Amino acid sequence: MDFKISIMILTTTVITSFYSQADEMQDPSISLVKKNVEHENLVSDIHCVDYSLTKNIEQGVDLVNILKKHGGKCGGDPQAQHHIFSVYVDQKTHEMASDKDDMSGDGNLTPLSPTIEK
């Protein structure tokens, strides 16, 4: 998968939608990322994350940000949602790449393993 995403795009994108559980079933990118996050145990508590979607961050590529959800059983300030990592989803092939392992912050992406359907 060849993503050509610049940091400038990431920092200037403001058109982001937050999705509820009902919405995730309507958008394949949210559904794919959620399944992968849960299947691969990419977060410590799947109940304390939210997903935000930016459609077509690049032609044919969606951006899904995984954010910490606070409040209630999740603890923390309910007014804050800290970024955990991002996943880029190819709309046609459903291939995914993430910055979850990029400790340098340089935007280095690694492919995510496809989630096996149950």
PDB file of N, CA and C in Angstrom:
ATOM      1  N   MET A   1       0.854  -1.157   0.000  1.00  0.00           N
ATOM      2  CA  MET A   1       0.000   0.000   0.000  1.00  0.00           C
ATOM      3  C   MET A   1       0.900   1.219   0.000  1.00  0.00           C
ATOM      4  N   ASP A   2       0.629   2.119  -0.876  1.00  0.00           N
ATOM      5  CA  ASP A   2       1.471   3.300  -1.002  1.00  0.00           C
ATOM      6  C   ASP A   2       0.666   4.542  -0.652  1.00  0.00           C
ATOM      7  N   PHE A   3       0.865   5.035   0.566  1.00  0.00           N
ATOM      8  CA  PHE A   3       0.179   6.244   0.995  1.00  0.00           C
ATOM      9  C   PHE A   3       1.139   7.405   0.905  1.00  0.00           C
ATOM     10  N   LYS A   4       0.691   8.481   0.326  1.00  0.00           N
ATOM     11  CA  LYS A   4       1.504   9.672   0.201  1.00  0.00           C
ATOM     12  C   LYS A   4       0.811  10.781   0.989  1.00  0.00           C
ATOM     13  N   ILE A   5       0.851  10.658   2.287  1.00  0.00           N
ATOM     14  CA  ILE A   5       0.185  11.606   3.165  1.00  0.00           C
ATOM     15  C   ILE A   5       1.246  12.507   3.784  1.00  0.00           C
ATOM     16  N   SER A   6       1.012  13.790   3.724  1.00  0.00           N
ATOM     17  CA  SER A   6       1.962  14.706   4.347  1.00  0.00           C
ATOM     18  C   SER A   6       1.455  15.119   5.709  1.00  0.00           C
ATOM     19  N   ILE A   7       2.373  15.467   6.581  1.00  0.00           N
ATOM     20  CA  ILE A   7       2.022  15.931   7.921  1.00  0.00           C
ATOM     21  C   ILE A   7       1.162  17.180   7.825  1.00  0.00           C
ATOM     22  N   MET A   8       1.395  18.015   6.805  1.00  0.00           N
ATOM     23  CA  MET A   8       0.611  19.228   6.667  1.00  0.00           C
ATOM     24  C   MET A   8      -0.873  18.906   6.495  1.00  0.00           C
ATOM     25  N   ILE A   9      -1.185  17.877   5.759  1.00  0.00           N
ATOM     26  CA  ILE A   9      -2.579  17.482   5.586  1.00  0.00           C
ATOM     27  C   ILE A   9      -3.162  17.087   6.935  1.00  0.00           C
ATOM     28  N   LEU A  10      -2.412  16.328   7.709  1.00  0.00           N
ATOM     29  CA  LEU A  10      -2.905  15.878   8.998  1.00  0.00           C
ATOM     30  C   LEU A  10      -3.162  17.037   9.949  1.00  0.00           C
ATOM     31  N   THR A  11      -2.315  18.036   9.911  1.00  0.00           N
ATOM     32  CA  THR A  11      -2.473  19.131  10.859  1.00  0.00           C
ATOM     33  C   THR A  11      -3.471  20.173  10.407  1.00  0.00           C
ATOM     34  N   THR A  12      -3.814  20.189   9.127  1.00  0.00           N
ATOM     35  CA  THR A  12      -4.752  21.194   8.650  1.00  0.00           C
ATOM     36  C   THR A  12      -6.149  20.641   8.415  1.00  0.00           C
ATOM     37  N   THR A  13      -6.343  19.347   8.548  1.00  0.00           N
ATOM     38  CA  THR A  13      -7.652  18.764   8.329  1.00  0.00           C
ATOM     39  C   THR A  13      -8.542  19.037   9.520  1.00  0.00           C
ATOM     40  N   VAL A  14      -9.673  19.665   9.255  1.00  0.00           N
ATOM     41  CA  VAL A  14     -10.593  19.965  10.334  1.00  0.00           C
ATOM     42  C   VAL A  14     -11.967  19.337  10.107  1.00  0.00           C
ATOM     43  N   ILE A  15     -12.174  18.728   8.966  1.00  0.00           N
ATOM     44  CA  ILE A  15     -13.460  18.122   8.671  1.00  0.00           C
ATOM     45  C   ILE A  15     -13.398  16.671   9.128  1.00  0.00           C
ATOM     46  N   THR A  16     -13.730  16.449  10.373  1.00  0.00           N
ATOM     47  CA  THR A  16     -13.681  15.133  10.972  1.00  0.00           C
ATOM     48  C   THR A  16     -15.029  14.847  11.608  1.00  0.00           C
ATOM     49  N   SER A  17     -15.495  13.639  11.465  1.00  0.00           N
ATOM     50  CA  SER A  17     -16.772  13.249  12.041  1.00  0.00           C
ATOM     51  C   SER A  17     -16.543  12.194  13.098  1.00  0.00           C
ATOM     52  N   PHE A  18     -17.278  12.297  14.200  1.00  0.00           N
ATOM     53  CA  PHE A  18     -17.238  11.275  15.225  1.00  0.00           C
ATOM     54  C   PHE A  18     -18.415  10.344  14.986  1.00  0.00           C
ATOM     55  N   TYR A  19     -18.185   9.067  15.145  1.00  0.00           N
ATOM     56  CA  TYR A  19     -19.193   8.088  14.808  1.00  0.00           C
ATOM     57  C   TYR A  19     -19.638   7.308  16.026  1.00  0.00           C
ATOM     58  N   SER A  20     -20.919   7.050  16.101  1.00  0.00           N
ATOM     59  CA  SER A  20     -21.476   6.205  17.146  1.00  0.00           C
ATOM     60  C   SER A  20     -21.461   4.765  16.660  1.00  0.00           C
ATOM     61  N   GLN A  21     -21.890   3.846  17.511  1.00  0.00           N
ATOM     62  CA  GLN A  21     -21.911   2.443  17.112  1.00  0.00           C
ATOM     63  C   GLN A  21     -22.827   2.224  15.914  1.00  0.00           C
ATOM     64  N   ALA A  22     -23.942   2.929  15.838  1.00  0.00           N
ATOM     65  CA  ALA A  22     -24.848   2.772  14.700  1.00  0.00           C
ATOM     66  C   ALA A  22     -24.176   3.243  13.416  1.00  0.00           C
ATOM     67  N   ASP A  23     -23.414   4.346  13.491  1.00  0.00           N
ATOM     68  CA  ASP A  23     -22.760   4.887  12.305  1.00  0.00           C
ATOM     69  C   ASP A  23     -21.648   3.979  11.790  1.00  0.00           C
ATOM     70  N   GLU A  24     -20.954   3.302  12.698  1.00  0.00           N
ATOM     71  CA  GLU A  24     -19.817   2.495  12.257  1.00  0.00           C
ATOM     72  C   GLU A  24     -20.261   1.369  11.338  1.00  0.00           C
ATOM     73  N   MET A  25     -21.476   0.900  11.506  1.00  0.00           N
ATOM     74  CA  MET A  25     -21.970  -0.160  10.654  1.00  0.00           C
ATOM     75  C   MET A  25     -22.277   0.373   9.250  1.00  0.00           C
ATOM     76  N   GLN A  26     -22.461   1.679   9.126  1.00  0.00           N
ATOM     77  CA  GLN A  26     -22.756   2.270   7.838  1.00  0.00           C
ATOM     78  C   GLN A  26     -21.484   2.638   7.067  1.00  0.00           C
ATOM     79  N   ASP A  27     -20.375   2.787   7.739  1.00  0.00           N
ATOM     80  CA  ASP A  27     -19.138   3.168   7.058  1.00  0.00           C
ATOM     81  C   ASP A  27     -18.137   2.028   7.134  1.00  0.00           C
ATOM     82  N   PRO A  28     -17.721   1.490   5.990  1.00  0.00           N
ATOM     83  CA  PRO A  28     -16.815   0.347   5.997  1.00  0.00           C
ATOM     84  C   PRO A  28     -15.453   0.642   6.626  1.00  0.00           C
ATOM     85  N   SER A  29     -14.944   1.852   6.488  1.00  0.00           N
ATOM     86  CA  SER A  29     -13.626   2.156   7.061  1.00  0.00           C
ATOM     87  C   SER A  29     -13.665   2.095   8.583  1.00  0.00           C
ATOM     88  N   ILE A  30     -14.691   2.681   9.187  1.00  0.00           N
ATOM     89  CA  ILE A  30     -14.824   2.633  10.651  1.00  0.00           C
ATOM     90  C   ILE A  30     -14.967   1.193  11.108  1.00  0.00           C
ATOM     91  N   SER A  31     -15.797   0.438  10.440  1.00  0.00           N
ATOM     92  CA  SER A  31     -16.022  -0.952  10.812  1.00  0.00           C
ATOM     93  C   SER A  31     -14.744  -1.778  10.709  1.00  0.00           C
ATOM     94  N   LEU A  32     -13.995  -1.614   9.612  1.00  0.00           N
ATOM     95  CA  LEU A  32     -12.751  -2.364   9.427  1.00  0.00           C
ATOM     96  C   LEU A  32     -11.721  -2.027  10.503  1.00  0.00           C
ATOM     97  N   VAL A  33     -11.568  -0.744  10.786  1.00  0.00           N
ATOM     98  CA  VAL A  33     -10.588  -0.324  11.785  1.00  0.00           C
ATOM     99  C   VAL A  33     -10.991  -0.826  13.165  1.00  0.00           C
ATOM    100  N   LYS A  34     -12.261  -0.689  13.507  1.00  0.00           N
ATOM    101  CA  LYS A  34     -12.740  -1.133  14.823  1.00  0.00           C
ATOM    102  C   LYS A  34     -12.489  -2.636  14.999  1.00  0.00           C
ATOM    103  N   LYS A  35     -12.817  -3.426  13.980  1.00  0.00           N
ATOM    104  CA  LYS A  35     -12.591  -4.873  14.052  1.00  0.00           C
ATOM    105  C   LYS A  35     -11.109  -5.172  14.241  1.00  0.00           C
ATOM    106  N   ASN A  36     -10.249  -4.449  13.515  1.00  0.00           N
ATOM    107  CA  ASN A  36      -8.818  -4.686  13.617  1.00  0.00           C
ATOM    108  C   ASN A  36      -8.293  -4.297  14.998  1.00  0.00           C
ATOM    109  N   VAL A  37      -8.708  -3.143  15.495  1.00  0.00           N
ATOM    110  CA  VAL A  37      -8.271  -2.679  16.819  1.00  0.00           C
ATOM    111  C   VAL A  37      -8.656  -3.698  17.884  1.00  0.00           C
ATOM    112  N   GLU A  38      -9.877  -4.200  17.810  1.00  0.00           N
ATOM    113  CA  GLU A  38     -10.344  -5.169  18.801  1.00  0.00           C
ATOM    114  C   GLU A  38      -9.658  -6.519  18.633  1.00  0.00           C
ATOM    115  N   HIS A  39      -9.563  -7.014  17.411  1.00  0.00           N
ATOM    116  CA  HIS A  39      -8.982  -8.333  17.150  1.00  0.00           C
ATOM    117  C   HIS A  39      -7.501  -8.392  17.499  1.00  0.00           C
ATOM    118  N   GLU A  40      -6.783  -7.319  17.202  1.00  0.00           N
ATOM    119  CA  GLU A  40      -5.335  -7.295  17.428  1.00  0.00           C
ATOM    120  C   GLU A  40      -4.951  -6.709  18.796  1.00  0.00           C
ATOM    121  N   ASN A  41      -5.955  -6.374  19.615  1.00  0.00           N
ATOM    122  CA  ASN A  41      -5.715  -5.800  20.952  1.00  0.00           C
ATOM    123  C   ASN A  41      -4.775  -4.593  20.883  1.00  0.00           C
ATOM    124  N   LEU A  42      -5.120  -3.632  20.030  1.00  0.00           N
ATOM    125  CA  LEU A  42      -4.265  -2.464  19.812  1.00  0.00           C
ATOM    126  C   LEU A  42      -4.464  -1.366  20.853  1.00  0.00           C
ATOM    127  N   VAL A  43      -5.489  -1.483  21.681  1.00  0.00           N
ATOM    128  CA  VAL A  43      -5.729  -0.522  22.766  1.00  0.00           C
ATOM    129  C   VAL A  43      -5.967  -1.307  24.053  1.00  0.00           C
ATOM    130  N   SER A  44      -5.741  -0.642  25.180  1.00  0.00           N
ATOM    131  CA  SER A  44      -5.865  -1.341  26.460  1.00  0.00           C
ATOM    132  C   SER A  44      -7.314  -1.619  26.846  1.00  0.00           C
ATOM    133  N   ASP A  45      -8.255  -0.753  26.443  1.00  0.00           N
ATOM    134  CA  ASP A  45      -9.660  -0.950  26.778  1.00  0.00           C
ATOM    135  C   ASP A  45     -10.511  -0.502  25.591  1.00  0.00           C
ATOM    136  N   ILE A  46     -11.106  -1.457  24.901  1.00  0.00           N
ATOM    137  CA  ILE A  46     -11.871  -1.132  23.692  1.00  0.00           C
ATOM    138  C   ILE A  46     -13.102  -0.276  23.991  1.00  0.00           C
ATOM    139  N   HIS A  47     -13.536  -0.263  25.241  1.00  0.00           N
ATOM    140  CA  HIS A  47     -14.709   0.531  25.611  1.00  0.00           C
ATOM    141  C   HIS A  47     -14.354   1.987  25.860  1.00  0.00           C
ATOM    142  N   CYS A  48     -13.084   2.293  25.930  1.00  0.00           N
ATOM    143  CA  CYS A  48     -12.638   3.662  26.238  1.00  0.00           C
ATOM    144  C   CYS A  48     -11.946   4.305  25.036  1.00  0.00           C
ATOM    145  N   VAL A  49     -12.424   3.985  23.838  1.00  0.00           N
ATOM    146  CA  VAL A  49     -11.912   4.629  22.634  1.00  0.00           C
ATOM    147  C   VAL A  49     -13.076   5.094  21.767  1.00  0.00           C
ATOM    148  N   ASP A  50     -12.832   6.153  21.028  1.00  0.00           N
ATOM    149  CA  ASP A  50     -13.738   6.647  20.006  1.00  0.00           C
ATOM    150  C   ASP A  50     -13.004   6.627  18.682  1.00  0.00           C
ATOM    151  N   TYR A  51     -13.757   6.629  17.615  1.00  0.00           N
ATOM    152  CA  TYR A  51     -13.200   6.634  16.271  1.00  0.00           C
ATOM    153  C   TYR A  51     -13.694   7.885  15.560  1.00  0.00           C
ATOM    154  N   SER A  52     -12.785   8.592  14.920  1.00  0.00           N
ATOM    155  CA  SER A  52     -13.196   9.733  14.104  1.00  0.00           C
ATOM    156  C   SER A  52     -12.754   9.474  12.666  1.00  0.00           C
ATOM    157  N   LEU A  53     -13.589   9.875  11.737  1.00  0.00           N
ATOM    158  CA  LEU A  53     -13.367   9.568  10.333  1.00  0.00           C
ATOM    159  C   LEU A  53     -13.225  10.837   9.521  1.00  0.00           C
ATOM    160  N   THR A  54     -12.218  10.852   8.662  1.00  0.00           N
ATOM    161  CA  THR A  54     -12.094  11.877   7.634  1.00  0.00           C
ATOM    162  C   THR A  54     -12.106  11.140   6.306  1.00  0.00           C
ATOM    163  N   LYS A  55     -13.184  11.333   5.549  1.00  0.00           N
ATOM    164  CA  LYS A  55     -13.311  10.676   4.250  1.00  0.00           C
ATOM    165  C   LYS A  55     -12.373  11.344   3.251  1.00  0.00           C
ATOM    166  N   ASN A  56     -11.784  10.532   2.391  1.00  0.00           N
ATOM    167  CA  ASN A  56     -10.944  11.014   1.281  1.00  0.00           C
ATOM    168  C   ASN A  56      -9.867  11.998   1.727  1.00  0.00           C
ATOM    169  N   ILE A  57      -9.126  11.637   2.778  1.00  0.00           N
ATOM    170  CA  ILE A  57      -7.982  12.455   3.194  1.00  0.00           C
ATOM    171  C   ILE A  57      -7.029  12.597   2.017  1.00  0.00           C
ATOM    172  N   GLU A  58      -7.020  11.589   1.202  1.00  0.00           N
ATOM    173  CA  GLU A  58      -6.333  11.549  -0.082  1.00  0.00           C
ATOM    174  C   GLU A  58      -7.249  10.746  -0.997  1.00  0.00           C
ATOM    175  N   GLN A  59      -7.205  10.991  -2.287  1.00  0.00           N
ATOM    176  CA  GLN A  59      -8.120  10.320  -3.210  1.00  0.00           C
ATOM    177  C   GLN A  59      -8.177   8.820  -2.947  1.00  0.00           C
ATOM    178  N   GLY A  60      -9.353   8.317  -2.547  1.00  0.00           N
ATOM    179  CA  GLY A  60      -9.559   6.896  -2.330  1.00  0.00           C
ATOM    180  C   GLY A  60      -9.060   6.378  -0.997  1.00  0.00           C
ATOM    181  N   VAL A  61      -8.661   7.283  -0.086  1.00  0.00           N
ATOM    182  CA  VAL A  61      -8.121   6.868   1.209  1.00  0.00           C
ATOM    183  C   VAL A  61      -8.854   7.604   2.324  1.00  0.00           C
ATOM    184  N   ASP A  62      -9.366   6.837   3.286  1.00  0.00           N
ATOM    185  CA  ASP A  62     -10.005   7.407   4.463  1.00  0.00           C
ATOM    186  C   ASP A  62      -9.021   7.394   5.629  1.00  0.00           C
ATOM    187  N   LEU A  63      -9.178   8.358   6.520  1.00  0.00           N
ATOM    188  CA  LEU A  63      -8.366   8.434   7.736  1.00  0.00           C
ATOM    189  C   LEU A  63      -9.278   8.188   8.924  1.00  0.00           C
ATOM    190  N   VAL A  64      -8.902   7.226   9.765  1.00  0.00           N
ATOM    191  CA  VAL A  64      -9.631   6.954  10.995  1.00  0.00           C
ATOM    192  C   VAL A  64      -8.672   7.200  12.151  1.00  0.00           C
ATOM    193  N   ASN A  65      -9.041   8.147  13.019  1.00  0.00           N
ATOM    194  CA  ASN A  65      -8.251   8.419  14.213  1.00  0.00           C
ATOM    195  C   ASN A  65      -8.854   7.677  15.387  1.00  0.00           C
ATOM    196  N   ILE A  66      -7.996   7.058  16.191  1.00  0.00           N
ATOM    197  CA  ILE A  66      -8.426   6.369  17.389  1.00  0.00           C
ATOM    198  C   ILE A  66      -8.088   7.292  18.553  1.00  0.00           C
ATOM    199  N   LEU A  67      -9.108   7.610  19.354  1.00  0.00           N
ATOM    200  CA  LEU A  67      -8.989   8.600  20.424  1.00  0.00           C
ATOM    201  C   LEU A  67      -9.375   7.994  21.757  1.00  0.00           C
ATOM    202  N   LYS A  68      -8.725   8.445  22.835  1.00  0.00           N
ATOM    203  CA  LYS A  68      -9.100   8.020  24.180  1.00  0.00           C
ATOM    204  C   LYS A  68     -10.407   8.691  24.562  1.00  0.00           C
ATOM    205  N   LYS A  69     -11.358   7.876  25.036  1.00  0.00           N
ATOM    206  CA  LYS A  69     -12.629   8.390  25.515  1.00  0.00           C
ATOM    207  C   LYS A  69     -12.543   8.499  27.031  1.00  0.00           C
ATOM    208  N   HIS A  70     -12.926   9.627  27.578  1.00  0.00           N
ATOM    209  CA  HIS A  70     -12.881   9.858  29.018  1.00  0.00           C
ATOM    210  C   HIS A  70     -14.277  10.051  29.572  1.00  0.00           C
ATOM    211  N   GLY A  71     -14.395   9.874  30.864  1.00  0.00           N
ATOM    212  CA  GLY A  71     -15.671  10.043  31.544  1.00  0.00           C
ATOM    213  C   GLY A  71     -16.276   8.694  31.880  1.00  0.00           C
ATOM    214  N   GLY A  72     -17.134   8.690  32.896  1.00  0.00           N
ATOM    215  CA  GLY A  72     -17.772   7.445  33.323  1.00  0.00           C
ATOM    216  C   GLY A  72     -16.750   6.429  33.773  1.00  0.00           C
ATOM    217  N   LYS A  73     -16.851   5.213  33.267  1.00  0.00           N
ATOM    218  CA  LYS A  73     -15.934   4.128  33.642  1.00  0.00           C
ATOM    219  C   LYS A  73     -14.541   4.308  33.033  1.00  0.00           C
ATOM    220  N   CYS A  74     -14.404   5.226  32.103  1.00  0.00           N
ATOM    221  CA  CYS A  74     -13.128   5.408  31.417  1.00  0.00           C
ATOM    222  C   CYS A  74     -12.187   6.369  32.136  1.00  0.00           C
ATOM    223  N   GLY A  75     -12.685   7.110  33.094  1.00  0.00           N
ATOM    224  CA  GLY A  75     -11.824   8.028  33.837  1.00  0.00           C
ATOM    225  C   GLY A  75     -11.300   9.151  32.962  1.00  0.00           C
ATOM    226  N   GLY A  76     -10.694  10.143  33.591  1.00  0.00           N
ATOM    227  CA  GLY A  76     -10.130  11.265  32.852  1.00  0.00           C
ATOM    228  C   GLY A  76     -11.155  12.368  32.614  1.00  0.00           C
ATOM    229  N   ASP A  77     -10.696  13.434  32.011  1.00  0.00           N
ATOM    230  CA  ASP A  77     -11.513  14.615  31.736  1.00  0.00           C
ATOM    231  C   ASP A  77     -12.420  14.342  30.533  1.00  0.00           C
ATOM    232  N   PRO A  78     -13.752  14.349  30.740  1.00  0.00           N
ATOM    233  CA  PRO A  78     -14.663  14.068  29.628  1.00  0.00           C
ATOM    234  C   PRO A  78     -14.589  15.094  28.493  1.00  0.00           C
ATOM    235  N   GLN A  79     -13.995  16.242  28.743  1.00  0.00           N
ATOM    236  CA  GLN A  79     -13.856  17.264  27.703  1.00  0.00           C
ATOM    237  C   GLN A  79     -12.664  16.996  26.788  1.00  0.00           C
ATOM    238  N   ALA A  80     -11.820  16.036  27.153  1.00  0.00           N
ATOM    239  CA  ALA A  80     -10.602  15.760  26.376  1.00  0.00           C
ATOM    240  C   ALA A  80     -10.696  14.393  25.695  1.00  0.00           C
ATOM    241  N   GLN A  81     -10.211  14.329  24.478  1.00  0.00           N
ATOM    242  CA  GLN A  81     -10.072  13.064  23.761  1.00  0.00           C
ATOM    243  C   GLN A  81      -8.685  13.052  23.138  1.00  0.00           C
ATOM    244  N   HIS A  82      -7.761  12.384  23.790  1.00  0.00           N
ATOM    245  CA  HIS A  82      -6.387  12.350  23.313  1.00  0.00           C
ATOM    246  C   HIS A  82      -6.227  11.352  22.168  1.00  0.00           C
ATOM    247  N   HIS A  83      -5.428  11.764  21.209  1.00  0.00           N
ATOM    248  CA  HIS A  83      -5.136  10.932  20.037  1.00  0.00           C
ATOM    249  C   HIS A  83      -4.247   9.771  20.459  1.00  0.00           C
ATOM    250  N   ILE A  84      -4.630   8.557  20.063  1.00  0.00           N
ATOM    251  CA  ILE A  84      -3.810   7.370  20.333  1.00  0.00           C
ATOM    252  C   ILE A  84      -2.975   7.046  19.093  1.00  0.00           C
ATOM    253  N   PHE A  85      -3.647   6.815  17.968  1.00  0.00           N
ATOM    254  CA  PHE A  85      -2.961   6.599  16.697  1.00  0.00           C
ATOM    255  C   PHE A  85      -3.972   6.750  15.563  1.00  0.00           C
ATOM    256  N   SER A  86      -3.475   6.712  14.336  1.00  0.00           N
ATOM    257  CA  SER A  86      -4.309   6.868  13.142  1.00  0.00           C
ATOM    258  C   SER A  86      -4.165   5.652  12.240  1.00  0.00           C
ATOM    259  N   VAL A  87      -5.225   5.398  11.468  1.00  0.00           N
ATOM    260  CA  VAL A  87      -5.216   4.306  10.501  1.00  0.00           C
ATOM    261  C   VAL A  87      -5.722   4.862   9.170  1.00  0.00           C
ATOM    262  N   TYR A  88      -5.002   4.562   8.111  1.00  0.00           N
ATOM    263  CA  TYR A  88      -5.387   4.943   6.756  1.00  0.00           C
ATOM    264  C   TYR A  88      -5.968   3.713   6.083  1.00  0.00           C
ATOM    265  N   VAL A  89      -7.136   3.867   5.458  1.00  0.00           N
ATOM    266  CA  VAL A  89      -7.837   2.742   4.851  1.00  0.00           C
ATOM    267  C   VAL A  89      -8.048   3.013   3.365  1.00  0.00           C
ATOM    268  N   ASP A  90      -7.538   2.113   2.534  1.00  0.00           N
ATOM    269  CA  ASP A  90      -7.785   2.204   1.107  1.00  0.00           C
ATOM    270  C   ASP A  90      -9.237   1.798   0.866  1.00  0.00           C
ATOM    271  N   GLN A  91     -10.020   2.677   0.249  1.00  0.00           N
ATOM    272  CA  GLN A  91     -11.445   2.437   0.078  1.00  0.00           C
ATOM    273  C   GLN A  91     -11.756   1.248  -0.826  1.00  0.00           C
ATOM    274  N   LYS A  92     -10.891   0.942  -1.783  1.00  0.00           N
ATOM    275  CA  LYS A  92     -11.151  -0.164  -2.706  1.00  0.00           C
ATOM    276  C   LYS A  92     -10.636  -1.492  -2.183  1.00  0.00           C
ATOM    277  N   THR A  93      -9.362  -1.517  -1.764  1.00  0.00           N
ATOM    278  CA  THR A  93      -8.745  -2.785  -1.365  1.00  0.00           C
ATOM    279  C   THR A  93      -8.932  -3.096   0.117  1.00  0.00           C
ATOM    280  N   HIS A  94      -9.303  -2.079   0.906  1.00  0.00           N
ATOM    281  CA  HIS A  94      -9.450  -2.183   2.358  1.00  0.00           C
ATOM    282  C   HIS A  94      -8.131  -2.469   3.068  1.00  0.00           C
ATOM    283  N   GLU A  95      -7.019  -2.268   2.364  1.00  0.00           N
ATOM    284  CA  GLU A  95      -5.726  -2.370   3.029  1.00  0.00           C
ATOM    285  C   GLU A  95      -5.619  -1.229   4.029  1.00  0.00           C
ATOM    286  N   MET A  96      -4.929  -1.506   5.137  1.00  0.00           N
ATOM    287  CA  MET A  96      -4.788  -0.506   6.188  1.00  0.00           C
ATOM    288  C   MET A  96      -3.327  -0.323   6.568  1.00  0.00           C
ATOM    289  N   ALA A  97      -2.980   0.917   6.909  1.00  0.00           N
ATOM    290  CA  ALA A  97      -1.644   1.232   7.415  1.00  0.00           C
ATOM    291  C   ALA A  97      -1.827   2.208   8.570  1.00  0.00           C
ATOM    292  N   SER A  98      -0.927   2.119   9.545  1.00  0.00           N
ATOM    293  CA  SER A  98      -1.085   2.916  10.753  1.00  0.00           C
ATOM    294  C   SER A  98       0.233   3.530  11.197  1.00  0.00           C
ATOM    295  N   ASP A  99       0.105   4.613  11.952  1.00  0.00           N
ATOM    296  CA  ASP A  99       1.262   5.237  12.576  1.00  0.00           C
ATOM    297  C   ASP A  99       1.415   4.782  14.032  1.00  0.00           C
ATOM    298  N   LYS A 100       0.760   3.700  14.420  1.00  0.00           N
ATOM    299  CA  LYS A 100       0.767   3.257  15.816  1.00  0.00           C
ATOM    300  C   LYS A 100       2.163   2.910  16.328  1.00  0.00           C
ATOM    301  N   ASP A 101       3.064   2.531  15.462  1.00  0.00           N
ATOM    302  CA  ASP A 101       4.421   2.168  15.876  1.00  0.00           C
ATOM    303  C   ASP A 101       5.442   3.260  15.597  1.00  0.00           C
ATOM    304  N   ASP A 102       4.982   4.431  15.160  1.00  0.00           N
ATOM    305  CA  ASP A 102       5.884   5.530  14.797  1.00  0.00           C
ATOM    306  C   ASP A 102       6.216   6.364  16.035  1.00  0.00           C
ATOM    307  N   MET A 103       7.291   6.009  16.685  1.00  0.00           N
ATOM    308  CA  MET A 103       7.704   6.730  17.893  1.00  0.00           C
ATOM    309  C   MET A 103       8.383   8.060  17.559  1.00  0.00           C
ATOM    310  N   SER A 104       8.833   8.221  16.333  1.00  0.00           N
ATOM    311  CA  SER A 104       9.543   9.440  15.941  1.00  0.00           C
ATOM    312  C   SER A 104       8.596  10.584  15.601  1.00  0.00           C
ATOM    313  N   GLY A 105       7.340  10.251  15.264  1.00  0.00           N
ATOM    314  CA  GLY A 105       6.390  11.277  14.854  1.00  0.00           C
ATOM    315  C   GLY A 105       6.612  11.769  13.439  1.00  0.00           C
ATOM    316  N   ASP A 106       7.366  11.021  12.658  1.00  0.00           N
ATOM    317  CA  ASP A 106       7.687  11.411  11.289  1.00  0.00           C
ATOM    318  C   ASP A 106       6.626  10.982  10.278  1.00  0.00           C
ATOM    319  N   GLY A 107       5.553  10.362  10.734  1.00  0.00           N
ATOM    320  CA  GLY A 107       4.508   9.918   9.816  1.00  0.00           C
ATOM    321  C   GLY A 107       4.800   8.591   9.155  1.00  0.00           C
ATOM    322  N   ASN A 108       5.699   7.804   9.750  1.00  0.00           N
ATOM    323  CA  ASN A 108       6.016   6.489   9.189  1.00  0.00           C
ATOM    324  C   ASN A 108       4.852   5.538   9.434  1.00  0.00           C
ATOM    325  N   LEU A 109       4.406   4.891   8.370  1.00  0.00           N
ATOM    326  CA  LEU A 109       3.264   3.992   8.460  1.00  0.00           C
ATOM    327  C   LEU A 109       3.709   2.550   8.313  1.00  0.00           C
ATOM    328  N   THR A 110       3.020   1.670   9.042  1.00  0.00           N
ATOM    329  CA  THR A 110       3.242   0.241   8.907  1.00  0.00           C
ATOM    330  C   THR A 110       1.906  -0.413   8.571  1.00  0.00           C
ATOM    331  N   PRO A 111       1.935  -1.429   7.718  1.00  0.00           N
ATOM    332  CA  PRO A 111       0.683  -2.115   7.357  1.00  0.00           C
ATOM    333  C   PRO A 111       0.077  -2.807   8.571  1.00  0.00           C
ATOM    334  N   LEU A 112      -1.248  -2.838   8.623  1.00  0.00           N
ATOM    335  CA  LEU A 112      -1.952  -3.604   9.646  1.00  0.00           C
ATOM    336  C   LEU A 112      -2.381  -4.923   9.028  1.00  0.00           C
ATOM    337  N   SER A 113      -2.320  -5.973   9.819  1.00  0.00           N
ATOM    338  CA  SER A 113      -2.758  -7.278   9.345  1.00  0.00           C
ATOM    339  C   SER A 113      -4.260  -7.238   9.126  1.00  0.00           C
ATOM    340  N   PRO A 114      -4.715  -7.855   8.048  1.00  0.00           N
ATOM    341  CA  PRO A 114      -6.173  -7.874   7.833  1.00  0.00           C
ATOM    342  C   PRO A 114      -6.840  -8.688   8.928  1.00  0.00           C
ATOM    343  N   THR A 115      -8.001  -8.233   9.347  1.00  0.00           N
ATOM    344  CA  THR A 115      -8.765  -8.946  10.371  1.00  0.00           C
ATOM    345  C   THR A 115      -9.523 -10.083   9.723  1.00  0.00           C
ATOM    346  N   ILE A 116      -9.424 -11.244  10.331  1.00  0.00           N
ATOM    347  CA  ILE A 116     -10.122 -12.416   9.818  1.00  0.00           C
ATOM    348  C   ILE A 116     -11.564 -12.332  10.280  1.00  0.00           C
ATOM    349  N   GLU A 117     -12.486 -12.412   9.330  1.00  0.00           N
ATOM    350  CA  GLU A 117     -13.916 -12.373   9.657  1.00  0.00           C
ATOM    351  C   GLU A 117     -14.305 -13.633  10.411  1.00  0.00           C
ATOM    352  N   LYS A 118     -15.133 -13.467  11.435  1.00  0.00           N
ATOM    353  CA  LYS A 118     -15.604 -14.616  12.227  1.00  0.00           C
ATOM    354  C   LYS A 118     -16.873 -15.159  11.637  1.00  0.00           C
TER     355      LYS A 118
END
